[in-house]
Protein backbone atom coordinates (compact mmCIF):
# COMPACT_ATOMS: atom_id res chain seq x y z
CA MET A 1 -6.22 14.83 15.83
CA ASP A 2 -8.37 15.04 12.74
CA GLN A 3 -7.60 17.75 10.17
CA VAL A 4 -11.33 18.37 9.75
CA TYR A 5 -11.06 20.72 12.75
CA PHE A 6 -9.07 23.21 10.67
CA ARG A 7 -8.93 25.07 7.37
CA ILE A 8 -5.27 25.20 6.32
CA THR A 9 -3.76 27.93 4.13
CA LYS A 10 -0.11 27.96 3.04
CA LEU A 11 2.09 31.04 3.16
CA PRO A 12 3.23 33.29 1.60
CA MET A 13 0.11 35.41 1.73
CA SER A 14 -0.93 38.77 3.12
CA LEU A 15 -2.74 39.30 6.40
CA GLU A 16 -5.46 41.91 6.62
CA SER A 17 -4.48 44.27 9.43
CA ASN A 18 -8.12 44.97 10.25
CA SER A 19 -9.17 41.31 10.14
CA PRO A 20 -11.38 40.56 13.16
CA CYS A 21 -9.56 38.23 15.52
CA SER A 22 -10.94 36.86 18.76
CA ALA A 23 -7.96 34.60 19.42
CA LEU A 24 -4.61 34.14 17.73
CA PHE A 25 -2.25 31.29 18.62
CA LEU A 26 1.36 31.34 17.41
CA ASP A 27 3.01 27.98 16.82
CA SER A 28 6.74 28.53 16.31
CA GLY A 29 8.87 25.41 15.98
CA GLY A 30 6.23 22.91 17.05
CA GLY A 31 3.91 24.13 19.77
CA TRP A 32 0.14 24.36 19.62
CA LEU A 33 -0.65 22.26 16.57
CA PRO A 34 -0.30 18.48 16.28
CA ASP A 35 2.18 17.26 13.68
CA MET A 36 -0.51 15.77 11.44
CA VAL A 37 -2.08 19.22 11.03
CA ARG A 38 1.17 21.13 10.61
CA PRO A 39 2.51 20.67 7.05
CA GLY A 40 6.20 19.79 6.82
CA SER A 41 8.73 19.49 9.62
CA PRO A 42 7.85 21.07 12.98
CA GLN A 43 11.30 22.62 13.03
CA GLU A 44 10.76 24.27 9.65
CA GLU A 45 7.13 25.32 9.92
CA SER A 46 5.31 27.88 12.00
CA SER A 47 1.60 28.48 12.10
CA PHE A 48 -0.97 31.00 13.19
CA VAL A 49 -4.31 29.66 14.34
CA PHE A 50 -7.03 32.30 13.92
CA PHE A 51 -10.30 32.11 15.81
CA ARG A 52 -13.08 34.52 14.86
CA ASP A 53 -16.50 35.23 16.36
CA PRO A 54 -16.96 32.98 19.40
CA VAL A 55 -20.37 31.34 19.59
CA PHE A 56 -20.44 31.67 23.38
CA SER A 57 -18.15 31.89 26.41
CA LEU A 58 -17.90 30.17 29.79
CA SER A 59 -16.51 31.70 32.95
CA SER A 60 -16.38 30.48 36.53
CA LEU A 61 -15.53 32.06 39.85
CA GLY A 62 -15.76 29.99 42.99
CA GLN A 63 -18.63 27.51 42.73
CA GLY A 64 -20.57 29.44 40.07
CA VAL A 65 -20.49 28.90 36.30
CA SER A 66 -21.75 31.47 33.80
CA VAL A 67 -22.33 30.71 30.11
CA SER A 68 -22.83 33.80 27.93
CA LEU A 69 -24.79 33.08 24.75
CA GLN A 70 -25.59 35.65 22.08
CA ASP A 71 -29.07 36.35 23.45
CA ARG A 72 -28.95 35.28 27.09
CA LYS A 73 -26.77 34.23 30.02
CA LEU A 74 -27.03 30.96 31.94
CA ASN A 75 -25.89 30.70 35.56
CA PHE A 76 -25.61 27.47 37.51
CA ASN A 77 -23.51 25.56 40.05
CA ARG A 78 -21.58 22.83 38.27
CA ASP A 79 -18.00 21.76 37.78
CA PRO A 80 -16.83 24.02 34.91
CA LEU A 81 -14.58 21.28 33.50
CA SER A 82 -17.53 18.89 33.16
CA VAL A 83 -19.45 21.69 31.41
CA LEU A 84 -16.44 22.11 29.09
CA GLU A 85 -16.48 18.40 28.21
CA GLY A 86 -20.18 18.59 27.39
CA TYR A 87 -19.70 21.41 24.89
CA LEU A 88 -16.65 19.73 23.33
CA SER A 89 -18.80 16.67 22.65
CA GLU A 90 -21.07 18.94 20.58
CA GLY A 91 -18.19 19.72 18.20
CA TYR A 92 -16.89 23.01 19.60
CA ILE A 93 -13.25 23.99 20.05
CA ALA A 94 -12.56 25.89 23.29
CA VAL A 95 -9.72 28.34 23.91
CA GLY A 96 -8.90 30.21 27.09
CA TYR A 97 -7.25 29.88 30.46
CA VAL A 98 -7.43 28.16 33.83
CA SER A 99 -6.19 30.56 36.53
CA TYR A 100 -3.63 29.73 39.18
CA GLU A 101 -6.29 30.20 41.87
CA TYR A 102 -8.23 27.24 40.44
CA SER A 103 -5.85 25.25 42.65
CA ARG A 104 -8.57 25.66 45.31
CA PHE A 105 -10.42 22.86 43.55
CA THR A 106 -7.61 20.41 42.78
CA GLU A 107 -7.42 16.76 43.76
CA GLU A 108 -5.22 17.74 46.70
CA GLY A 109 -8.32 19.15 48.34
CA PHE A 110 -9.37 22.67 49.13
CA ILE A 111 -6.35 24.94 49.44
CA PRO A 112 -7.42 28.29 50.92
CA ILE A 113 -6.47 31.36 48.92
CA TRP A 114 -6.55 34.39 51.19
CA LYS A 115 -8.44 37.48 50.08
CA LYS A 116 -5.98 39.95 48.59
CA GLU A 117 -6.32 43.40 47.13
CA GLY A 118 -6.33 43.94 43.39
CA GLU A 119 -7.98 42.49 40.31
CA THR A 120 -10.46 39.62 40.67
CA TYR A 121 -9.87 37.13 37.85
CA PRO A 122 -12.28 34.39 36.76
CA ASP A 123 -10.97 30.96 37.79
CA ILE A 124 -11.69 29.66 34.28
CA TYR A 125 -12.53 31.64 31.16
CA LEU A 126 -13.14 29.87 27.84
CA GLN A 127 -14.47 30.87 24.43
CA PHE A 128 -16.12 28.33 22.13
CA PHE A 129 -15.75 28.32 18.35
CA LYS A 130 -16.94 26.40 15.33
CA GLU A 131 -14.81 28.24 12.76
CA ARG A 132 -11.04 28.43 12.79
CA ASP A 133 -8.25 29.00 10.28
CA VAL A 134 -4.70 27.67 10.35
CA ILE A 135 -2.24 29.71 8.31
CA SER A 136 1.00 27.79 8.03
CA GLY A 137 4.39 28.34 6.47
CA SER A 138 8.08 28.69 7.21
CA LEU A 139 9.32 30.94 9.98
CA GLU A 140 10.94 33.09 7.31
CA ASP A 141 7.57 33.53 5.60
CA LEU A 142 6.08 34.71 8.87
CA LYS A 143 8.91 37.18 9.42
CA ASN A 144 8.31 38.56 5.94
CA ILE A 145 4.58 39.14 6.36
CA LEU A 146 4.34 40.15 10.00
CA PRO A 147 6.09 43.51 9.61
CA THR A 148 3.55 44.46 6.93
CA HIS A 149 0.78 43.43 9.30
CA TYR A 150 1.82 45.33 12.37
CA GLN A 151 3.53 48.31 10.76
CA THR A 152 0.01 49.43 9.82
CA LEU A 153 -0.91 49.36 13.50
CA LYS A 154 2.38 51.01 14.36
CA ALA A 155 1.63 53.97 12.10
CA TYR A 156 -1.42 54.78 14.20
CA ASN A 157 -0.10 53.46 17.51
CA PRO A 158 3.62 54.25 17.77
CA LEU A 159 5.61 52.39 20.40
CA MET A 160 6.26 55.02 23.07
CA ARG A 161 8.64 54.83 26.00
CA ILE A 162 6.69 53.93 29.14
CA GLU A 163 7.46 52.98 32.73
CA MET A 164 6.63 49.85 34.73
CA TYR A 165 5.83 49.65 38.43
CA SER A 166 6.28 46.65 40.74
CA ASN A 167 3.87 45.85 43.55
CA MET A 168 6.84 45.50 45.90
CA THR A 169 10.25 47.07 46.38
CA LYS A 170 13.41 45.15 45.66
CA MET A 171 14.02 44.84 49.42
CA GLU A 172 10.53 43.40 49.93
CA TYR A 173 11.19 40.81 47.23
CA LEU A 174 14.55 39.90 48.78
CA ASN A 175 12.91 39.55 52.20
CA MET A 176 10.24 37.29 50.69
CA ILE A 177 13.04 35.03 49.44
CA ARG A 178 14.71 35.05 52.86
CA PHE A 179 11.45 34.02 54.53
CA ALA A 180 11.14 31.19 52.00
CA LYS A 181 14.67 30.01 52.79
CA GLU A 182 13.77 29.88 56.48
CA TYR A 183 10.93 27.50 55.64
CA ILE A 184 13.34 25.43 53.56
CA ALA A 185 15.89 25.34 56.40
CA SER A 186 13.21 24.09 58.80
CA GLY A 187 12.39 21.21 56.45
CA ASP A 188 8.97 22.60 55.61
CA ILE A 189 9.64 22.59 51.87
CA TYR A 190 12.38 21.89 49.31
CA GLN A 191 11.57 24.49 46.68
CA VAL A 192 9.06 27.30 46.19
CA ASN A 193 8.41 29.60 43.24
CA LEU A 194 7.95 33.28 44.14
CA SER A 195 6.95 36.15 41.87
CA GLN A 196 6.48 39.88 41.67
CA ARG A 197 3.84 41.75 39.67
CA PHE A 198 4.36 44.75 37.40
CA THR A 199 1.85 47.20 35.95
CA THR A 200 2.34 49.58 33.05
CA PRO A 201 0.20 51.83 30.84
CA ILE A 202 -1.16 50.27 27.63
CA LEU A 203 -1.05 52.87 24.87
CA SER A 204 -1.82 50.72 21.80
CA PRO A 205 -4.29 47.96 20.88
CA PRO A 206 -3.16 44.86 22.82
CA ILE A 207 -2.85 42.77 19.65
CA PHE A 208 -0.05 45.12 18.62
CA TYR A 209 1.94 44.12 21.70
CA PHE A 210 1.39 40.45 20.91
CA LEU A 211 2.77 40.89 17.40
CA ASN A 212 5.65 42.91 18.77
CA LEU A 213 6.36 40.24 21.39
CA PHE A 214 6.56 37.59 18.67
CA ASP A 215 8.98 39.78 16.75
CA VAL A 216 11.14 40.14 19.87
CA GLN A 217 11.06 36.46 20.86
CA PRO A 218 9.32 33.70 18.85
CA VAL A 219 8.10 30.93 21.15
CA PRO A 220 6.17 27.66 20.73
CA TYR A 221 3.18 28.75 22.80
CA GLY A 222 2.51 32.39 22.02
CA CYS A 223 -1.10 33.53 21.96
CA TYR A 224 -3.48 36.48 22.03
CA ILE A 225 -7.06 36.08 23.30
CA ASP A 226 -9.63 38.88 23.32
CA PHE A 227 -12.18 38.21 26.06
CA GLY A 228 -14.03 41.46 25.40
CA GLN A 229 -13.50 43.27 28.70
CA PHE A 230 -9.82 42.29 28.77
CA GLN A 231 -7.13 40.73 26.59
CA LEU A 232 -4.55 38.09 27.45
CA ILE A 233 -1.17 37.89 25.69
CA SER A 234 1.30 35.07 26.23
CA GLY A 235 4.91 34.59 25.23
CA SER A 236 5.20 31.21 26.95
CA MET A 237 7.75 28.60 25.89
CA GLU A 238 6.62 25.96 28.40
CA LEU A 239 4.30 23.02 27.70
CA PHE A 240 2.16 22.15 30.71
CA LEU A 241 0.16 19.28 29.22
CA ARG A 242 -0.49 17.87 25.76
CA LYS A 243 -3.05 15.09 25.45
CA THR A 244 -3.09 13.13 22.19
CA GLY A 245 -5.37 10.12 22.38
CA ARG A 246 -4.39 8.38 25.62
CA LYS A 247 -0.86 9.82 25.63
CA ILE A 248 -0.09 12.75 27.94
CA VAL A 249 3.16 14.78 27.85
CA THR A 250 4.56 17.55 30.04
CA LYS A 251 7.79 19.54 29.55
CA PRO A 252 8.64 21.43 32.75
CA ILE A 253 11.15 24.28 32.63
CA LYS A 254 13.41 25.00 35.57
CA GLY A 255 16.75 26.74 35.08
CA THR A 256 17.46 30.06 33.33
CA ARG A 257 20.41 32.05 32.01
CA LYS A 258 20.29 35.30 30.06
CA LYS A 259 21.62 35.44 26.51
CA GLY A 260 25.10 36.89 26.17
CA PHE A 261 25.98 40.09 24.34
CA SER A 262 28.54 38.23 22.21
CA VAL A 263 28.83 34.71 20.82
CA GLU A 264 31.61 33.98 23.28
CA GLU A 265 29.73 35.27 26.32
CA ASP A 266 26.58 33.45 25.23
CA ALA A 267 28.45 30.14 24.95
CA ILE A 268 29.86 30.62 28.45
CA LEU A 269 26.43 31.36 29.94
CA LYS A 270 24.84 28.40 28.19
CA ALA A 271 27.62 26.06 29.36
CA GLU A 272 27.19 27.42 32.88
CA LEU A 273 23.50 26.51 32.81
CA ILE A 274 24.20 23.02 31.44
CA SER A 275 26.74 22.26 34.16
CA SER A 276 24.95 23.93 37.09
CA GLN A 277 24.29 21.35 39.80
CA LYS A 278 21.85 23.76 41.47
CA GLU A 279 19.76 24.12 38.30
CA ARG A 280 19.83 20.37 37.65
CA ALA A 281 18.71 19.64 41.20
CA GLU A 282 15.82 22.12 40.90
CA ASN A 283 14.82 20.71 37.53
CA LEU A 284 14.92 17.14 38.83
CA MET A 285 12.69 18.05 41.79
CA ILE A 286 10.01 19.30 39.41
CA VAL A 287 10.42 16.31 37.09
CA ASP A 288 9.80 14.00 40.05
CA LEU A 289 6.79 16.09 41.06
CA MET A 290 5.31 15.89 37.54
CA ARG A 291 5.97 12.13 37.40
CA ASN A 292 3.98 11.81 40.59
CA ASP A 293 1.15 14.01 39.24
CA LEU A 294 0.89 12.04 36.00
CA GLY A 295 1.05 8.79 37.97
CA ARG A 296 -2.34 9.63 39.47
CA VAL A 297 -4.08 9.51 36.09
CA CYS A 298 -1.84 7.22 34.02
CA LYS A 299 -1.66 3.44 33.76
CA TYR A 300 0.84 1.81 36.08
CA GLY A 301 4.32 1.58 34.57
CA THR A 302 3.67 3.94 31.65
CA VAL A 303 5.05 7.16 33.16
CA LYS A 304 8.62 7.76 32.05
CA VAL A 305 11.16 10.55 31.60
CA ASN A 306 12.05 11.01 27.94
CA ASN A 307 14.57 13.83 28.29
CA LEU A 308 16.43 15.41 31.17
CA PHE A 309 18.17 18.80 31.33
CA ASN A 310 17.82 19.79 27.67
CA ILE A 311 18.68 23.41 26.88
CA GLU A 312 16.29 25.47 24.74
CA SER A 313 17.54 28.85 23.57
CA TYR A 314 15.40 31.89 22.80
CA ALA A 315 16.10 35.48 21.84
CA THR A 316 16.61 36.74 25.40
CA LEU A 317 17.44 33.65 27.48
CA HIS A 318 18.33 29.96 27.74
CA GLN A 319 16.06 27.51 29.61
CA MET A 320 16.61 24.01 31.03
CA VAL A 321 13.76 21.71 29.93
CA SER A 322 12.87 18.09 30.68
CA GLU A 323 10.08 15.87 29.32
CA VAL A 324 7.79 13.35 31.03
CA GLU A 325 5.10 11.23 29.37
CA GLY A 326 2.53 8.62 30.32
CA TYR A 327 -0.57 6.81 29.03
CA LEU A 328 -3.90 7.62 30.64
CA LYS A 329 -6.16 5.13 32.35
CA ASP A 330 -9.26 4.37 30.29
CA GLU A 331 -11.72 6.09 32.61
CA ILE A 332 -9.77 9.35 32.97
CA ARG A 333 -11.40 12.54 31.66
CA ILE A 334 -10.24 16.13 31.11
CA GLY A 335 -11.33 17.26 34.56
CA ASP A 336 -9.48 14.39 36.23
CA ILE A 337 -6.25 15.29 34.41
CA ILE A 338 -6.33 18.99 35.25
CA LYS A 339 -7.36 18.52 38.87
CA SER A 340 -4.61 15.92 39.41
CA THR A 341 -1.81 18.04 37.95
CA PHE A 342 -2.85 21.62 38.73
CA PRO A 343 -1.28 24.07 39.28
CA PRO A 344 1.86 23.34 37.22
CA GLY A 345 4.72 22.05 39.35
CA SER A 346 7.38 24.25 37.76
CA VAL A 347 5.67 27.42 39.02
CA THR A 348 4.77 26.21 42.51
CA GLY A 349 7.47 24.05 44.11
CA ALA A 350 7.90 20.81 46.03
CA PRO A 351 6.03 19.45 47.84
CA LYS A 352 3.34 21.14 45.78
CA ARG A 353 0.62 21.52 48.39
CA ARG A 354 2.91 23.19 50.92
CA ALA A 355 4.44 25.34 48.17
CA VAL A 356 1.00 26.65 47.20
CA GLU A 357 0.26 27.46 50.85
CA LEU A 358 3.54 29.38 51.23
CA ILE A 359 3.03 31.27 47.96
CA ASP A 360 -0.36 32.30 49.29
CA GLU A 361 1.23 33.43 52.55
CA LEU A 362 4.24 35.29 51.10
CA GLU A 363 3.00 36.91 47.89
CA PRO A 364 0.86 40.04 48.38
CA HIS A 365 -1.05 39.55 45.12
CA VAL A 366 -3.30 37.03 43.46
CA ARG A 367 -1.75 35.47 40.38
CA GLY A 368 -4.87 35.16 38.24
CA PRO A 369 -4.00 33.70 34.83
CA TYR A 370 -0.27 33.89 35.65
CA CYS A 371 1.15 30.45 36.50
CA GLY A 372 -2.12 28.86 35.49
CA ALA A 373 -2.60 27.34 32.04
CA ILE A 374 -3.61 28.70 28.61
CA GLY A 375 -4.64 26.51 25.73
CA ILE A 376 -6.90 24.85 23.21
CA PHE A 377 -9.37 22.01 23.82
CA TYR A 378 -10.55 19.92 20.85
CA PRO A 379 -13.87 18.10 20.26
CA ASN A 380 -12.27 14.65 20.58
CA GLY A 381 -10.99 15.42 24.08
CA ASP A 382 -7.40 16.19 23.12
CA PHE A 383 -5.89 19.44 24.33
CA THR A 384 -2.69 21.47 24.55
CA LEU A 385 -2.05 23.67 27.58
CA SER A 386 0.94 25.93 28.08
CA VAL A 387 2.15 27.16 31.45
CA ALA A 388 0.97 30.77 31.67
CA ILE A 389 4.35 32.46 32.09
CA ARG A 390 5.58 35.57 30.23
CA ILE A 391 1.99 36.78 30.01
CA LEU A 392 0.46 40.26 29.78
CA PHE A 393 -3.06 40.93 31.06
CA ALA A 394 -4.51 44.07 29.41
CA LYS A 395 -7.58 45.83 30.82
CA ASP A 396 -8.79 49.45 30.84
CA GLY A 397 -5.50 50.84 29.55
CA ILE A 398 -3.36 49.01 32.12
CA GLY A 399 -1.07 46.08 31.40
CA THR A 400 -0.18 43.63 34.18
CA PHE A 401 2.60 41.06 34.00
CA TRP A 402 4.36 38.83 36.49
CA VAL A 403 7.85 37.31 36.72
CA GLY A 404 9.29 34.91 39.26
CA GLY A 405 11.66 32.06 39.95
CA GLY A 406 12.27 28.95 42.02
CA ILE A 407 13.86 29.33 45.45
CA VAL A 408 15.94 26.55 47.06
CA TRP A 409 18.26 26.43 50.08
CA ASP A 410 21.34 27.70 48.25
CA SER A 411 19.54 30.44 46.30
CA ASP A 412 21.24 33.83 46.32
CA PRO A 413 18.43 36.41 46.81
CA GLU A 414 20.17 39.05 44.68
CA LYS A 415 20.70 36.62 41.80
CA GLU A 416 17.13 35.37 42.07
CA PHE A 417 15.85 38.94 41.86
CA ASP A 418 18.04 39.59 38.81
CA GLU A 419 16.72 36.40 37.16
CA THR A 420 13.15 37.70 37.39
CA LEU A 421 14.23 40.80 35.47
CA VAL A 422 15.87 38.64 32.79
CA LYS A 423 12.56 36.85 32.33
CA ALA A 424 10.82 40.21 31.89
CA ILE A 425 13.07 41.43 29.06
CA ALA A 426 10.96 40.16 26.14
CA ILE A 427 7.75 41.71 27.49
CA GLN A 428 9.59 44.93 28.35
CA LYS A 429 10.87 45.18 24.78
CA ALA A 430 7.44 44.44 23.35
CA LEU A 431 5.92 47.18 25.51
CA GLY A 432 8.64 49.72 24.74
CA ILE A 433 9.97 49.83 28.32
CA VAL A 434 13.50 48.94 27.16
CA GLU A 435 15.23 49.02 23.78
């Protein structure tokens, strides 16, 4: 990655609360930015990447692609990922998302997604920029300046207690898990990831909730993107894919424990996660799946597992994380990589194709951006994509977020339901639903 793509400013400094921001990516502890751009140690530095004034945007739904320029709109039938590559070659940086439902067009072949009620989300939505700013500094610097930044918003938009509403009852969610376990018992599948969707009123500018979410739980792949008609906020800690030259890396997460209320309780919960044979087995299934996915696009013998069953700790939970890497074949392009690995294995299940079919059958809602990928694409073809978990979709005064978990044969439905609520804590705190 060449530093020419960025203007870098060191903290401490002040942020203008009314500064126009089309997209804001938070890099805490080594996430979005490559090491050669991030000054100092990744563990010591955090960065904000500001994008202002997109030159144009690209969206796709089904077989159609729409490019919105400042003075006109272009519509045509082409592969949106090949269109993306064309614009990157012209020197643009692209930011945005690939929705979960883009799995209809993966290498596995057409996977039908049944028509469901609710929001219709573009399969792919990207904004293209020429100008971008990286503001970097220590995590402590960021903590010192962020309160000044969002307290101004808070004065006009106080955090008020609000309610959230699921699209299914607890019993419906438990029954969905029981149906999944029947499929597992019949040998149809080994693991499947199931989710529920929540909606809640949005009473403040969405960027306020992003800043509040960072204050609640700093993560490596936080971001805020304003698409005009809607905003997307992410508190993701999971790397889906990072391409640097011909090297490709994925870091799937599978395995969760809540943080304890005391140091002693927290140590017990963390040790429980580390030693859990169930969590290790689930994690290993997804590692094998991702090895297989990368094997489709990487040179023979280059795919390897760097780390297994590492524990990463955040403000509200502990996660079990592994890492797989490989080196791409010479002819492989961005579209080949995404189509061969999408959707992310950690949020679908194994085998992936059957898992996607069962998710489609059992879940009453489309996922949209949730469980897809959010990220940045660079002019040289490199990119970083996070798994779109812990996200908030804001539109017309309504916020939508999803939480889920992996189901295996020995899953306890009650515990699986409770785990989804643990994963929702950071967003709930950011929204003012819980203290």
